Amino acid sequence: MKEGKYFFELKITKEQSALVLKCSEEILGKKEWQEGRDMGRRLFEGIAELLKESNLKPIDVSDFVVETDMPEGYTSMRIAETVKKVYAFGVAFPR
């Protein structure tokens, strides 16, 4: 496991989304998909795959950043913000 702060960075555009796992500023992995009606599923799958590929546990990732120029009412943006909050809650109160 690398030294530094692990975090997810999600970038959402009208055409596609990209989830990146970083340690400090180094990119450890990236998942991209075309924008559609499956943000929640794709985002949870991307999180699970990136954690597995990097041999990390959810608790190892301390932050989740969502970047977009889309309006707040954009459905994918609302879903991403909800997933971000659920992830933070799950990490804060692990079983």
PDB file of N, CA and C in Angstrom:
ATOM      1  N   MET A   1       0.839  -1.177   0.000  1.00  0.00           N
ATOM      2  CA  MET A   1       0.000   0.000   0.000  1.00  0.00           C
ATOM      3  C   MET A   1       0.887   1.244   0.000  1.00  0.00           C
ATOM      4  N   LYS A   2       0.565   2.184  -0.849  1.00  0.00           N
ATOM      5  CA  LYS A   2       1.349   3.415  -0.975  1.00  0.00           C
ATOM      6  C   LYS A   2       1.098   4.334   0.222  1.00  0.00           C
ATOM      7  N   GLU A   3       2.050   5.195   0.482  1.00  0.00           N
ATOM      8  CA  GLU A   3       1.902   6.219   1.513  1.00  0.00           C
ATOM      9  C   GLU A   3       1.174   7.416   0.918  1.00  0.00           C
ATOM     10  N   GLY A   4       0.273   8.006   1.669  1.00  0.00           N
ATOM     11  CA  GLY A   4      -0.440   9.189   1.208  1.00  0.00           C
ATOM     12  C   GLY A   4      -1.930   9.059   1.424  1.00  0.00           C
ATOM     13  N   LYS A   5      -2.637  10.036   0.948  1.00  0.00           N
ATOM     14  CA  LYS A   5      -4.084  10.106   1.104  1.00  0.00           C
ATOM     15  C   LYS A   5      -4.759   9.518  -0.137  1.00  0.00           C
ATOM     16  N   TYR A   6      -5.583   8.496   0.064  1.00  0.00           N
ATOM     17  CA  TYR A   6      -6.332   7.887  -1.026  1.00  0.00           C
ATOM     18  C   TYR A   6      -7.685   8.582  -1.145  1.00  0.00           C
ATOM     19  N   PHE A   7      -8.102   8.868  -2.382  1.00  0.00           N
ATOM     20  CA  PHE A   7      -9.427   9.455  -2.577  1.00  0.00           C
ATOM     21  C   PHE A   7      -9.946   9.151  -3.973  1.00  0.00           C
ATOM     22  N   PHE A   8     -11.261   9.194  -4.074  1.00  0.00           N
ATOM     23  CA  PHE A   8     -11.924   9.047  -5.369  1.00  0.00           C
ATOM     24  C   PHE A   8     -12.211  10.429  -5.920  1.00  0.00           C
ATOM     25  N   GLU A   9     -12.094  10.560  -7.234  1.00  0.00           N
ATOM     26  CA  GLU A   9     -12.440  11.796  -7.925  1.00  0.00           C
ATOM     27  C   GLU A   9     -13.350  11.411  -9.086  1.00  0.00           C
ATOM     28  N   LEU A  10     -14.564  11.919  -9.075  1.00  0.00           N
ATOM     29  CA  LEU A  10     -15.537  11.638 -10.126  1.00  0.00           C
ATOM     30  C   LEU A  10     -15.758  12.903 -10.942  1.00  0.00           C
ATOM     31  N   LYS A  11     -15.554  12.789 -12.245  1.00  0.00           N
ATOM     32  CA  LYS A  11     -15.816  13.916 -13.150  1.00  0.00           C
ATOM     33  C   LYS A  11     -16.999  13.543 -14.034  1.00  0.00           C
ATOM     34  N   ILE A  12     -17.990  14.401 -14.052  1.00  0.00           N
ATOM     35  CA  ILE A  12     -19.207  14.155 -14.816  1.00  0.00           C
ATOM     36  C   ILE A  12     -19.353  15.227 -15.888  1.00  0.00           C
ATOM     37  N   THR A  13     -19.524  14.795 -17.123  1.00  0.00           N
ATOM     38  CA  THR A  13     -19.861  15.705 -18.214  1.00  0.00           C
ATOM     39  C   THR A  13     -21.161  15.218 -18.833  1.00  0.00           C
ATOM     40  N   LYS A  14     -21.673  15.948 -19.749  1.00  0.00           N
ATOM     41  CA  LYS A  14     -22.921  15.561 -20.398  1.00  0.00           C
ATOM     42  C   LYS A  14     -22.761  14.257 -21.179  1.00  0.00           C
ATOM     43  N   GLU A  15     -21.565  13.994 -21.697  1.00  0.00           N
ATOM     44  CA  GLU A  15     -21.324  12.818 -22.532  1.00  0.00           C
ATOM     45  C   GLU A  15     -20.810  11.605 -21.773  1.00  0.00           C
ATOM     46  N   GLN A  16     -19.961  11.829 -20.739  1.00  0.00           N
ATOM     47  CA  GLN A  16     -19.383  10.684 -20.044  1.00  0.00           C
ATOM     48  C   GLN A  16     -19.001  11.028 -18.616  1.00  0.00           C
ATOM     49  N   SER A  17     -18.716   9.964 -17.851  1.00  0.00           N
ATOM     50  CA  SER A  17     -18.250  10.104 -16.475  1.00  0.00           C
ATOM     51  C   SER A  17     -16.961   9.321 -16.325  1.00  0.00           C
ATOM     52  N   ALA A  18     -16.112   9.784 -15.415  1.00  0.00           N
ATOM     53  CA  ALA A  18     -14.842   9.110 -15.145  1.00  0.00           C
ATOM     54  C   ALA A  18     -14.596   9.115 -13.642  1.00  0.00           C
ATOM     55  N   LEU A  19     -14.384   7.926 -13.092  1.00  0.00           N
ATOM     56  CA  LEU A  19     -14.054   7.766 -11.683  1.00  0.00           C
ATOM     57  C   LEU A  19     -12.577   7.406 -11.591  1.00  0.00           C
ATOM     58  N   VAL A  20     -11.835   8.184 -10.806  1.00  0.00           N
ATOM     59  CA  VAL A  20     -10.398   7.993 -10.673  1.00  0.00           C
ATOM     60  C   VAL A  20     -10.084   7.739  -9.198  1.00  0.00           C
ATOM     61  N   LEU A  21      -9.222   6.766  -8.944  1.00  0.00           N
ATOM     62  CA  LEU A  21      -8.697   6.538  -7.603  1.00  0.00           C
ATOM     63  C   LEU A  21      -7.292   7.111  -7.575  1.00  0.00           C
ATOM     64  N   LYS A  22      -7.051   7.995  -6.609  1.00  0.00           N
ATOM     65  CA  LYS A  22      -5.741   8.647  -6.505  1.00  0.00           C
ATOM     66  C   LYS A  22      -5.141   8.423  -5.124  1.00  0.00           C
ATOM     67  N   CYS A  23      -3.819   8.457  -5.080  1.00  0.00           N
ATOM     68  CA  CYS A  23      -3.067   8.512  -3.835  1.00  0.00           C
ATOM     69  C   CYS A  23      -2.257   9.791  -3.930  1.00  0.00           C
ATOM     70  N   SER A  24      -2.594  10.741  -3.080  1.00  0.00           N
ATOM     71  CA  SER A  24      -2.084  12.097  -3.211  1.00  0.00           C
ATOM     72  C   SER A  24      -2.494  12.578  -4.601  1.00  0.00           C
ATOM     73  N   GLU A  25      -1.574  12.810  -5.514  1.00  0.00           N
ATOM     74  CA  GLU A  25      -1.966  13.226  -6.866  1.00  0.00           C
ATOM     75  C   GLU A  25      -1.688  12.159  -7.922  1.00  0.00           C
ATOM     76  N   GLU A  26      -1.197  10.990  -7.480  1.00  0.00           N
ATOM     77  CA  GLU A  26      -0.899   9.900  -8.404  1.00  0.00           C
ATOM     78  C   GLU A  26      -2.165   9.106  -8.729  1.00  0.00           C
ATOM     79  N   ILE A  27      -2.425   8.896 -10.008  1.00  0.00           N
ATOM     80  CA  ILE A  27      -3.588   8.117 -10.432  1.00  0.00           C
ATOM     81  C   ILE A  27      -3.251   6.633 -10.308  1.00  0.00           C
ATOM     82  N   LEU A  28      -4.070   5.918  -9.519  1.00  0.00           N
ATOM     83  CA  LEU A  28      -3.878   4.482  -9.321  1.00  0.00           C
ATOM     84  C   LEU A  28      -4.768   3.656 -10.242  1.00  0.00           C
ATOM     85  N   GLY A  29      -5.896   4.231 -10.650  1.00  0.00           N
ATOM     86  CA  GLY A  29      -6.823   3.522 -11.527  1.00  0.00           C
ATOM     87  C   GLY A  29      -7.928   4.450 -11.989  1.00  0.00           C
ATOM     88  N   LYS A  30      -8.574   4.047 -13.087  1.00  0.00           N
ATOM     89  CA  LYS A  30      -9.610   4.900 -13.669  1.00  0.00           C
ATOM     90  C   LYS A  30     -10.652   4.030 -14.356  1.00  0.00           C
ATOM     91  N   LYS A  31     -11.913   4.397 -14.181  1.00  0.00           N
ATOM     92  CA  LYS A  31     -13.039   3.752 -14.856  1.00  0.00           C
ATOM     93  C   LYS A  31     -13.850   4.844 -15.541  1.00  0.00           C
ATOM     94  N   GLU A  32     -14.158   4.633 -16.818  1.00  0.00           N
ATOM     95  CA  GLU A  32     -14.938   5.607 -17.587  1.00  0.00           C
ATOM     96  C   GLU A  32     -16.147   4.923 -18.192  1.00  0.00           C
ATOM     97  N   TRP A  33     -17.216   5.684 -18.378  1.00  0.00           N
ATOM     98  CA  TRP A  33     -18.410   5.169 -19.026  1.00  0.00           C
ATOM     99  C   TRP A  33     -19.188   6.306 -19.669  1.00  0.00           C
ATOM    100  N   GLN A  34     -19.929   5.939 -20.695  1.00  0.00           N
ATOM    101  CA  GLN A  34     -20.771   6.911 -21.386  1.00  0.00           C
ATOM    102  C   GLN A  34     -21.953   7.270 -20.494  1.00  0.00           C
ATOM    103  N   GLU A  35     -22.338   8.514 -20.535  1.00  0.00           N
ATOM    104  CA  GLU A  35     -23.462   8.974 -19.726  1.00  0.00           C
ATOM    105  C   GLU A  35     -24.728   8.270 -20.184  1.00  0.00           C
ATOM    106  N   GLY A  36     -25.460   7.775 -19.240  1.00  0.00           N
ATOM    107  CA  GLY A  36     -26.712   7.068 -19.521  1.00  0.00           C
ATOM    108  C   GLY A  36     -27.595   7.098 -18.284  1.00  0.00           C
ATOM    109  N   ARG A  37     -28.485   6.172 -18.228  1.00  0.00           N
ATOM    110  CA  ARG A  37     -29.403   6.121 -17.092  1.00  0.00           C
ATOM    111  C   ARG A  37     -28.972   5.074 -16.070  1.00  0.00           C
ATOM    112  N   ASP A  38     -27.677   4.934 -15.881  1.00  0.00           N
ATOM    113  CA  ASP A  38     -27.168   3.906 -14.987  1.00  0.00           C
ATOM    114  C   ASP A  38     -26.031   4.406 -14.085  1.00  0.00           C
ATOM    115  N   MET A  39     -26.066   5.673 -13.705  1.00  0.00           N
ATOM    116  CA  MET A  39     -24.998   6.267 -12.900  1.00  0.00           C
ATOM    117  C   MET A  39     -24.773   5.505 -11.598  1.00  0.00           C
ATOM    118  N   GLY A  40     -25.813   5.203 -10.870  1.00  0.00           N
ATOM    119  CA  GLY A  40     -25.658   4.522  -9.594  1.00  0.00           C
ATOM    120  C   GLY A  40     -24.959   3.192  -9.736  1.00  0.00           C
ATOM    121  N   ARG A  41     -25.434   2.362 -10.643  1.00  0.00           N
ATOM    122  CA  ARG A  41     -24.847   1.039 -10.854  1.00  0.00           C
ATOM    123  C   ARG A  41     -23.396   1.164 -11.306  1.00  0.00           C
ATOM    124  N   ARG A  42     -23.150   2.008 -12.288  1.00  0.00           N
ATOM    125  CA  ARG A  42     -21.792   2.156 -12.829  1.00  0.00           C
ATOM    126  C   ARG A  42     -20.827   2.706 -11.772  1.00  0.00           C
ATOM    127  N   LEU A  43     -21.313   3.618 -10.950  1.00  0.00           N
ATOM    128  CA  LEU A  43     -20.471   4.217  -9.929  1.00  0.00           C
ATOM    129  C   LEU A  43     -20.111   3.194  -8.851  1.00  0.00           C
ATOM    130  N   PHE A  44     -21.088   2.432  -8.369  1.00  0.00           N
ATOM    131  CA  PHE A  44     -20.792   1.408  -7.362  1.00  0.00           C
ATOM    132  C   PHE A  44     -19.875   0.324  -7.929  1.00  0.00           C
ATOM    133  N   GLU A  45     -20.100  -0.078  -9.173  1.00  0.00           N
ATOM    134  CA  GLU A  45     -19.214  -1.063  -9.811  1.00  0.00           C
ATOM    135  C   GLU A  45     -17.794  -0.517  -9.938  1.00  0.00           C
ATOM    136  N   GLY A  46     -17.680   0.748 -10.342  1.00  0.00           N
ATOM    137  CA  GLY A  46     -16.366   1.376 -10.487  1.00  0.00           C
ATOM    138  C   GLY A  46     -15.618   1.458  -9.161  1.00  0.00           C
ATOM    139  N   ILE A  47     -16.323   1.817  -8.104  1.00  0.00           N
ATOM    140  CA  ILE A  47     -15.709   1.883  -6.777  1.00  0.00           C
ATOM    141  C   ILE A  47     -15.184   0.508  -6.385  1.00  0.00           C
ATOM    142  N   ALA A  48     -16.025  -0.505  -6.511  1.00  0.00           N
ATOM    143  CA  ALA A  48     -15.634  -1.869  -6.130  1.00  0.00           C
ATOM    144  C   ALA A  48     -14.438  -2.355  -6.950  1.00  0.00           C
ATOM    145  N   GLU A  49     -14.459  -2.124  -8.257  1.00  0.00           N
ATOM    146  CA  GLU A  49     -13.362  -2.577  -9.119  1.00  0.00           C
ATOM    147  C   GLU A  49     -12.049  -1.860  -8.795  1.00  0.00           C
ATOM    148  N   LEU A  50     -12.110  -0.551  -8.590  1.00  0.00           N
ATOM    149  CA  LEU A  50     -10.891   0.201  -8.287  1.00  0.00           C
ATOM    150  C   LEU A  50     -10.302  -0.210  -6.936  1.00  0.00           C
ATOM    151  N   LEU A  51     -11.152  -0.429  -5.946  1.00  0.00           N
ATOM    152  CA  LEU A  51     -10.663  -0.885  -4.644  1.00  0.00           C
ATOM    153  C   LEU A  51      -9.991  -2.253  -4.770  1.00  0.00           C
ATOM    154  N   LYS A  52     -10.645  -3.155  -5.488  1.00  0.00           N
ATOM    155  CA  LYS A  52     -10.098  -4.502  -5.649  1.00  0.00           C
ATOM    156  C   LYS A  52      -8.768  -4.474  -6.403  1.00  0.00           C
ATOM    157  N   GLU A  53      -8.719  -3.743  -7.506  1.00  0.00           N
ATOM    158  CA  GLU A  53      -7.494  -3.654  -8.312  1.00  0.00           C
ATOM    159  C   GLU A  53      -6.321  -3.068  -7.527  1.00  0.00           C
ATOM    160  N   SER A  54      -6.620  -2.175  -6.579  1.00  0.00           N
ATOM    161  CA  SER A  54      -5.569  -1.523  -5.792  1.00  0.00           C
ATOM    162  C   SER A  54      -5.339  -2.204  -4.447  1.00  0.00           C
ATOM    163  N   ASN A  55      -6.073  -3.296  -4.211  1.00  0.00           N
ATOM    164  CA  ASN A  55      -5.956  -4.044  -2.962  1.00  0.00           C
ATOM    165  C   ASN A  55      -6.207  -3.146  -1.746  1.00  0.00           C
ATOM    166  N   LEU A  56      -7.257  -2.330  -1.841  1.00  0.00           N
ATOM    167  CA  LEU A  56      -7.633  -1.427  -0.756  1.00  0.00           C
ATOM    168  C   LEU A  56      -8.993  -1.811  -0.200  1.00  0.00           C
ATOM    169  N   LYS A  57      -9.245  -1.368   1.011  1.00  0.00           N
ATOM    170  CA  LYS A  57     -10.558  -1.515   1.632  1.00  0.00           C
ATOM    171  C   LYS A  57     -11.232  -0.144   1.597  1.00  0.00           C
ATOM    172  N   PRO A  58     -12.550  -0.095   1.646  1.00  0.00           N
ATOM    173  CA  PRO A  58     -13.226   1.206   1.619  1.00  0.00           C
ATOM    174  C   PRO A  58     -12.702   2.187   2.674  1.00  0.00           C
ATOM    175  N   ILE A  59     -12.376   1.690   3.844  1.00  0.00           N
ATOM    176  CA  ILE A  59     -11.893   2.565   4.914  1.00  0.00           C
ATOM    177  C   ILE A  59     -10.554   3.221   4.578  1.00  0.00           C
ATOM    178  N   ASP A  60      -9.804   2.641   3.625  1.00  0.00           N
ATOM    179  CA  ASP A  60      -8.511   3.209   3.220  1.00  0.00           C
ATOM    180  C   ASP A  60      -8.673   4.490   2.394  1.00  0.00           C
ATOM    181  N   VAL A  61      -9.842   4.675   1.814  1.00  0.00           N
ATOM    182  CA  VAL A  61     -10.094   5.837   0.941  1.00  0.00           C
ATOM    183  C   VAL A  61     -10.820   6.897   1.770  1.00  0.00           C
ATOM    184  N   SER A  62     -10.155   8.011   1.987  1.00  0.00           N
ATOM    185  CA  SER A  62     -10.643   8.999   2.948  1.00  0.00           C
ATOM    186  C   SER A  62     -11.539  10.085   2.377  1.00  0.00           C
ATOM    187  N   ASP A  63     -11.616  10.211   1.061  1.00  0.00           N
ATOM    188  CA  ASP A  63     -12.413  11.307   0.503  1.00  0.00           C
ATOM    189  C   ASP A  63     -12.997  10.899  -0.839  1.00  0.00           C
ATOM    190  N   PHE A  64     -14.027  11.624  -1.237  1.00  0.00           N
ATOM    191  CA  PHE A  64     -14.730  11.368  -2.493  1.00  0.00           C
ATOM    192  C   PHE A  64     -15.109  12.735  -3.044  1.00  0.00           C
ATOM    193  N   VAL A  65     -14.493  13.118  -4.143  1.00  0.00           N
ATOM    194  CA  VAL A  65     -14.695  14.439  -4.739  1.00  0.00           C
ATOM    195  C   VAL A  65     -15.510  14.288  -6.018  1.00  0.00           C
ATOM    196  N   VAL A  66     -16.538  15.120  -6.168  1.00  0.00           N
ATOM    197  CA  VAL A  66     -17.348  15.126  -7.384  1.00  0.00           C
ATOM    198  C   VAL A  66     -17.133  16.459  -8.085  1.00  0.00           C
ATOM    199  N   GLU A  67     -16.695  16.397  -9.345  1.00  0.00           N
ATOM    200  CA  GLU A  67     -16.476  17.605 -10.144  1.00  0.00           C
ATOM    201  C   GLU A  67     -17.360  17.557 -11.380  1.00  0.00           C
ATOM    202  N   THR A  68     -18.024  18.655 -11.652  1.00  0.00           N
ATOM    203  CA  THR A  68     -18.875  18.726 -12.836  1.00  0.00           C
ATOM    204  C   THR A  68     -19.197  20.177 -13.147  1.00  0.00           C
ATOM    205  N   ASP A  69     -19.575  20.402 -14.389  1.00  0.00           N
ATOM    206  CA  ASP A  69     -20.083  21.715 -14.762  1.00  0.00           C
ATOM    207  C   ASP A  69     -21.578  21.603 -15.068  1.00  0.00           C
ATOM    208  N   MET A  70     -22.143  20.440 -14.741  1.00  0.00           N
ATOM    209  CA  MET A  70     -23.573  20.207 -14.964  1.00  0.00           C
ATOM    210  C   MET A  70     -24.374  20.887 -13.860  1.00  0.00           C
ATOM    211  N   PRO A  71     -25.616  21.277 -14.142  1.00  0.00           N
ATOM    212  CA  PRO A  71     -26.445  21.913 -13.122  1.00  0.00           C
ATOM    213  C   PRO A  71     -26.771  20.949 -11.981  1.00  0.00           C
ATOM    214  N   GLU A  72     -27.029  21.496 -10.795  1.00  0.00           N
ATOM    215  CA  GLU A  72     -27.331  20.683  -9.618  1.00  0.00           C
ATOM    216  C   GLU A  72     -28.521  19.760  -9.823  1.00  0.00           C
ATOM    217  N   GLY A  73     -29.477  20.155 -10.621  1.00  0.00           N
ATOM    218  CA  GLY A  73     -30.662  19.356 -10.859  1.00  0.00           C
ATOM    219  C   GLY A  73     -30.449  18.190 -11.809  1.00  0.00           C
ATOM    220  N   TYR A  74     -29.286  18.098 -12.403  1.00  0.00           N
ATOM    221  CA  TYR A  74     -28.962  17.028 -13.339  1.00  0.00           C
ATOM    222  C   TYR A  74     -28.987  15.698 -12.584  1.00  0.00           C
ATOM    223  N   THR A  75     -29.750  14.741 -13.073  1.00  0.00           N
ATOM    224  CA  THR A  75     -29.981  13.488 -12.358  1.00  0.00           C
ATOM    225  C   THR A  75     -28.690  12.772 -12.003  1.00  0.00           C
ATOM    226  N   SER A  76     -27.767  12.651 -12.927  1.00  0.00           N
ATOM    227  CA  SER A  76     -26.502  11.961 -12.634  1.00  0.00           C
ATOM    228  C   SER A  76     -25.732  12.663 -11.526  1.00  0.00           C
ATOM    229  N   MET A  77     -25.809  13.965 -11.475  1.00  0.00           N
ATOM    230  CA  MET A  77     -25.138  14.724 -10.423  1.00  0.00           C
ATOM    231  C   MET A  77     -25.776  14.430  -9.064  1.00  0.00           C
ATOM    232  N   ARG A  78     -27.085  14.399  -9.022  1.00  0.00           N
ATOM    233  CA  ARG A  78     -27.786  14.095  -7.762  1.00  0.00           C
ATOM    234  C   ARG A  78     -27.454  12.681  -7.290  1.00  0.00           C
ATOM    235  N   ILE A  79     -27.419  11.731  -8.212  1.00  0.00           N
ATOM    236  CA  ILE A  79     -27.080  10.344  -7.863  1.00  0.00           C
ATOM    237  C   ILE A  79     -25.649  10.272  -7.349  1.00  0.00           C
ATOM    238  N   ALA A  80     -24.727  10.942  -8.025  1.00  0.00           N
ATOM    239  CA  ALA A  80     -23.323  10.934  -7.606  1.00  0.00           C
ATOM    240  C   ALA A  80     -23.160  11.521  -6.207  1.00  0.00           C
ATOM    241  N   GLU A  81     -23.837  12.600  -5.925  1.00  0.00           N
ATOM    242  CA  GLU A  81     -23.756  13.217  -4.592  1.00  0.00           C
ATOM    243  C   GLU A  81     -24.328  12.282  -3.529  1.00  0.00           C
ATOM    244  N   THR A  82     -25.385  11.560  -3.866  1.00  0.00           N
ATOM    245  CA  THR A  82     -25.973  10.597  -2.929  1.00  0.00           C
ATOM    246  C   THR A  82     -25.006   9.445  -2.671  1.00  0.00           C
ATOM    247  N   VAL A  83     -24.397   8.907  -3.721  1.00  0.00           N
ATOM    248  CA  VAL A  83     -23.417   7.827  -3.559  1.00  0.00           C
ATOM    249  C   VAL A  83     -22.245   8.315  -2.710  1.00  0.00           C
ATOM    250  N   LYS A  84     -21.799   9.522  -2.944  1.00  0.00           N
ATOM    251  CA  LYS A  84     -20.708  10.109  -2.162  1.00  0.00           C
ATOM    252  C   LYS A  84     -21.065  10.133  -0.675  1.00  0.00           C
ATOM    253  N   LYS A  85     -22.269  10.562  -0.343  1.00  0.00           N
ATOM    254  CA  LYS A  85     -22.705  10.632   1.055  1.00  0.00           C
ATOM    255  C   LYS A  85     -22.849   9.248   1.661  1.00  0.00           C
ATOM    256  N   VAL A  86     -23.398   8.301   0.898  1.00  0.00           N
ATOM    257  CA  VAL A  86     -23.545   6.927   1.385  1.00  0.00           C
ATOM    258  C   VAL A  86     -22.172   6.306   1.623  1.00  0.00           C
ATOM    259  N   TYR A  87     -21.246   6.531   0.721  1.00  0.00           N
ATOM    260  CA  TYR A  87     -19.884   6.008   0.876  1.00  0.00           C
ATOM    261  C   TYR A  87     -19.255   6.567   2.154  1.00  0.00           C
ATOM    262  N   ALA A  88     -19.337   7.873   2.337  1.00  0.00           N
ATOM    263  CA  ALA A  88     -18.754   8.513   3.523  1.00  0.00           C
ATOM    264  C   ALA A  88     -19.389   7.966   4.796  1.00  0.00           C
ATOM    265  N   PHE A  89     -20.688   7.771   4.782  1.00  0.00           N
ATOM    266  CA  PHE A  89     -21.389   7.232   5.953  1.00  0.00           C
ATOM    267  C   PHE A  89     -20.922   5.802   6.228  1.00  0.00           C
ATOM    268  N   GLY A  90     -20.845   4.976   5.184  1.00  0.00           N
ATOM    269  CA  GLY A  90     -20.410   3.595   5.332  1.00  0.00           C
ATOM    270  C   GLY A  90     -19.001   3.464   5.863  1.00  0.00           C
ATOM    271  N   VAL A  91     -18.129   4.363   5.434  1.00  0.00           N
ATOM    272  CA  VAL A  91     -16.734   4.333   5.895  1.00  0.00           C
ATOM    273  C   VAL A  91     -16.651   4.831   7.342  1.00  0.00           C
ATOM    274  N   ALA A  92     -17.478   5.779   7.687  1.00  0.00           N
ATOM    275  CA  ALA A  92     -17.454   6.332   9.047  1.00  0.00           C
ATOM    276  C   ALA A  92     -17.988   5.343  10.080  1.00  0.00           C
ATOM    277  N   PHE A  93     -18.910   4.478   9.658  1.00  0.00           N
ATOM    278  CA  PHE A  93     -19.532   3.523  10.576  1.00  0.00           C
ATOM    279  C   PHE A  93     -19.424   2.098  10.024  1.00  0.00           C
ATOM    280  N   PRO A  94     -18.188   1.583   9.914  1.00  0.00           N
ATOM    281  CA  PRO A  94     -18.028   0.229   9.367  1.00  0.00           C
ATOM    282  C   PRO A  94     -18.603  -0.814  10.319  1.00  0.00           C
ATOM    283  N   ARG A  95     -18.896  -1.965   9.774  1.00  0.00           N
ATOM    284  CA  ARG A  95     -19.431  -3.052  10.614  1.00  0.00           C
ATOM    285  C   ARG A  95     -18.352  -3.682  11.414  1.00  0.00           C
TER     286      ARG A  95
END
